[in-house]
Protein backbone atom coordinates (compact mmCIF):
# COMPACT_ATOMS: atom_id res chain seq x y z
CA MET A 1 -13.47 -15.30 13.12
CA GLU A 2 -12.01 -16.14 9.71
CA LEU A 3 -9.48 -13.30 9.98
CA MET A 4 -8.37 -14.44 13.42
CA ALA A 5 -7.73 -17.94 12.06
CA SER A 6 -5.80 -16.51 9.12
CA GLU A 7 -3.78 -14.31 11.51
CA ARG A 8 -2.80 -17.36 13.57
CA LEU A 9 -1.89 -19.25 10.40
CA ALA A 10 0.11 -16.31 9.06
CA HIS A 11 2.08 -16.04 12.27
CA ALA A 12 2.65 -19.80 12.36
CA ASN A 13 3.88 -19.82 8.75
CA TYR A 14 5.47 -16.38 8.76
CA SER A 15 8.70 -15.99 6.82
CA VAL A 16 10.92 -13.04 7.56
CA PHE A 17 11.99 -11.07 4.52
CA ARG A 18 15.08 -9.01 5.14
CA ASN A 19 14.86 -5.25 4.99
CA SER A 20 18.16 -3.67 5.90
CA ASN A 21 16.56 -0.20 5.56
CA SER A 22 13.39 -0.95 7.55
CA LYS A 23 11.11 1.95 8.53
CA MET A 24 8.57 -0.30 10.22
CA ASN A 25 9.25 0.60 13.82
CA ASP A 26 8.86 4.37 13.46
CA ALA A 27 5.35 4.59 14.92
CA THR A 28 5.57 8.33 15.55
CA ASP A 29 4.99 9.30 11.93
CA GLN A 30 1.69 10.99 11.11
CA PRO A 31 0.37 9.85 7.73
CA LEU A 32 -0.82 12.43 5.22
CA ALA A 33 -4.34 13.48 6.09
CA GLN A 34 -7.41 13.48 3.90
CA GLY A 35 -7.18 16.20 1.26
CA ALA A 36 -3.37 16.33 1.20
CA ALA A 37 -1.71 16.11 -2.22
CA LEU A 38 0.01 12.84 -3.05
CA PRO A 39 3.77 13.39 -3.27
CA SER A 40 5.75 12.16 -6.26
CA LEU A 41 6.18 8.41 -6.27
CA GLU A 42 9.96 8.18 -6.27
CA ALA A 43 12.08 5.09 -5.75
CA ALA A 44 15.57 3.90 -6.58
CA GLY A 45 13.91 1.36 -8.85
CA TRP A 46 10.71 -0.50 -9.59
CA LEU A 47 9.56 -4.10 -9.71
CA ASN A 48 6.74 -4.99 -12.13
CA ALA A 49 7.32 -1.78 -14.13
CA GLU A 50 7.37 1.87 -13.13
CA PRO A 51 3.93 3.45 -12.60
CA ALA A 52 3.77 5.75 -15.62
CA LEU A 53 1.94 9.00 -14.97
CA GLU A 54 -0.32 8.44 -17.97
CA THR A 55 -1.45 5.08 -16.56
CA ILE A 56 -2.29 6.37 -13.06
CA ALA A 57 -3.40 9.95 -13.80
CA GLY A 58 -7.13 10.29 -13.24
CA LYS A 59 -7.39 6.92 -11.49
CA VAL A 60 -8.10 6.07 -7.90
CA LEU A 61 -4.79 4.89 -6.48
CA VAL A 62 -4.13 2.54 -3.57
CA VAL A 63 -0.63 3.04 -2.15
CA ASP A 64 0.62 0.28 0.16
CA VAL A 65 3.70 1.06 2.23
CA TRP A 66 5.04 -2.34 3.25
CA ASP A 67 8.02 -3.95 4.92
CA GLY A 68 9.25 -7.51 4.59
CA THR A 69 9.76 -7.78 8.35
CA CYS A 70 6.08 -7.00 8.96
CA PRO A 71 3.85 -10.06 9.47
CA TYR A 72 0.72 -7.98 8.84
CA CYS A 73 2.06 -6.82 5.49
CA ALA A 74 2.34 -10.48 4.49
CA LEU A 75 -1.02 -11.31 6.06
CA MET A 76 -2.85 -8.57 4.17
CA ALA A 77 -1.06 -9.03 0.82
CA PRO A 78 -3.54 -11.63 -0.51
CA MET A 79 -6.42 -9.30 0.39
CA LEU A 80 -4.77 -6.47 -1.55
CA VAL A 81 -4.26 -8.81 -4.52
CA GLU A 82 -7.99 -9.67 -4.40
CA LEU A 83 -8.94 -5.98 -4.27
CA ASN A 84 -6.62 -5.24 -7.19
CA GLU A 85 -8.43 -7.93 -9.20
CA LYS A 86 -11.84 -6.63 -8.10
CA TYR A 87 -11.24 -2.93 -8.75
CA GLY A 88 -8.63 -2.84 -11.52
CA ALA A 89 -11.21 -2.79 -14.29
CA ARG A 90 -13.00 0.08 -12.56
CA GLY A 91 -10.03 2.44 -12.77
CA VAL A 92 -8.21 1.66 -9.52
CA ALA A 93 -4.44 1.26 -9.65
CA PHE A 94 -2.23 -0.19 -6.93
CA VAL A 95 1.34 0.79 -6.07
CA GLY A 96 3.63 -0.57 -3.36
CA MET A 97 6.43 1.35 -1.69
CA THR A 98 9.17 -0.08 0.52
CA SER A 99 12.46 1.01 1.99
CA ALA A 100 13.97 -2.41 1.19
CA ASN A 101 16.68 -2.78 -1.43
CA ARG A 102 15.98 -4.46 -4.78
CA GLU A 103 16.82 -8.02 -3.76
CA GLU A 104 14.93 -7.79 -0.46
CA ALA A 105 11.90 -6.23 -2.15
CA MET A 106 11.93 -8.83 -4.93
CA SER A 107 11.80 -11.66 -2.37
CA PHE A 108 8.65 -10.21 -0.78
CA VAL A 109 6.94 -9.22 -4.06
CA ASP A 110 7.56 -12.66 -5.56
CA ALA A 111 6.45 -14.56 -2.44
CA GLN A 112 3.25 -12.49 -2.11
CA HIS A 113 2.52 -12.47 -5.88
CA LEU A 114 2.12 -8.68 -6.01
CA PRO A 115 1.41 -7.82 -9.67
CA TRP A 116 1.46 -4.01 -9.40
CA PRO A 117 4.45 -1.65 -9.46
CA ASN A 118 6.51 -1.77 -6.27
CA GLY A 119 9.11 0.90 -5.63
CA TYR A 120 12.15 -0.12 -3.61
CA GLU A 121 14.51 2.11 -1.63
CA ALA A 122 11.62 4.57 -1.61
CA GLU A 123 12.46 6.36 1.64
CA ALA A 124 11.86 9.83 0.18
CA THR A 125 8.29 8.98 -0.85
CA ILE A 126 7.61 7.09 2.38
CA ASN A 127 8.81 10.10 4.38
CA ALA A 128 6.77 12.50 2.22
CA LEU A 129 3.68 10.34 2.91
CA GLY A 130 4.39 10.64 6.62
CA ALA A 131 4.25 6.88 6.58
CA SER A 132 5.92 3.93 8.15
CA ALA A 133 5.24 0.37 7.21
CA PRO A 134 2.56 -0.80 7.31
CA SER A 135 0.36 1.97 5.90
CA VAL A 136 -2.24 2.11 3.15
CA PHE A 137 -3.55 5.20 1.39
CA VAL A 138 -6.43 5.68 -1.05
CA VAL A 139 -5.86 8.62 -3.39
CA ASP A 140 -8.68 10.27 -5.36
CA ARG A 141 -8.56 10.77 -9.12
CA ASP A 142 -7.43 14.34 -8.46
CA GLY A 143 -4.28 13.16 -6.65
CA ARG A 144 -5.44 13.92 -3.10
CA VAL A 145 -5.47 11.54 -0.18
CA ALA A 146 -9.04 10.31 0.32
CA TRP A 147 -8.25 7.96 3.21
CA ASN A 148 -5.41 6.38 5.14
CA ASP A 149 -5.52 3.41 7.46
CA ASP A 150 -3.67 5.25 10.25
CA ARG A 151 -1.35 2.24 10.45
CA ALA A 152 -4.13 -0.10 11.57
CA ARG A 153 -2.01 -3.18 10.80
CA TYR A 154 0.85 -1.92 12.95
CA ARG A 155 -1.56 -1.58 15.86
CA HIS A 156 -2.97 -5.06 15.08
CA GLN A 157 -6.37 -3.60 14.18
CA VAL A 158 -6.92 -5.60 11.02
CA GLY A 159 -10.37 -7.05 11.64
CA SER A 160 -12.26 -4.42 9.66
CA LEU A 161 -9.43 -3.16 7.47
CA ARG A 162 -10.68 -4.78 4.27
CA GLN A 163 -14.15 -3.31 4.75
CA GLN A 164 -12.73 0.14 5.50
CA LEU A 165 -10.45 -0.02 2.48
CA GLU A 166 -13.29 -1.10 0.18
CA VAL A 167 -15.53 1.70 1.47
CA ALA A 168 -12.71 4.21 0.86
CA ILE A 169 -12.17 2.89 -2.68
CA GLU A 170 -15.90 2.97 -3.46
CA GLU A 171 -16.24 6.52 -2.11
CA ALA A 172 -13.25 7.65 -4.17
CA LEU A 173 -14.75 6.03 -7.28
CA ASP A 174 -18.08 7.76 -6.64
CA ARG A 175 -16.50 11.22 -6.58
CA PRO A 176 -16.65 13.10 -9.88
CA GLU A 177 -13.64 12.84 -12.13
CA PRO A 178 -11.42 15.93 -12.19
CA LEU A 179 -12.17 18.39 -14.97
CA VAL A 180 -8.52 18.93 -15.84
CA ARG A 181 -5.92 16.20 -16.04
């Protein structure tokens, strides 16, 4: 019930953030499946610092593919911020990827208070993930996809998304750390 109220509020207060390179409407993409290797995180540039390999290697990683024109990306951003605060100390890192240019991405990142690295003009990585906005991936410490949301937000199936994401993070944290980094 609380999520439905927040959805109505989000739609009532929704601000459109330009994305001249939007990949949101490409619903035919098939996201990387469980066990697939995470591609390189490449972007034209980064907001809130570039995710250095030494800071994400061996960590559980949550990759959020977002778009400023997506109301569900904005709706779920505070939940992702909460999860970042909850799991950051336990070795979970967050990264955002968007096809938007720097200025468009900065508007969304600033408005949503996203503290983690966000790559802009990241079409190559988004394509390699088989993703379109909105998509979320959980990546194990060994760099393999542990879970993806199968674009639940795009299909307006957000009711249990937080619970599913937390279960995926917990399961990834419970797996043994890789022997070789």
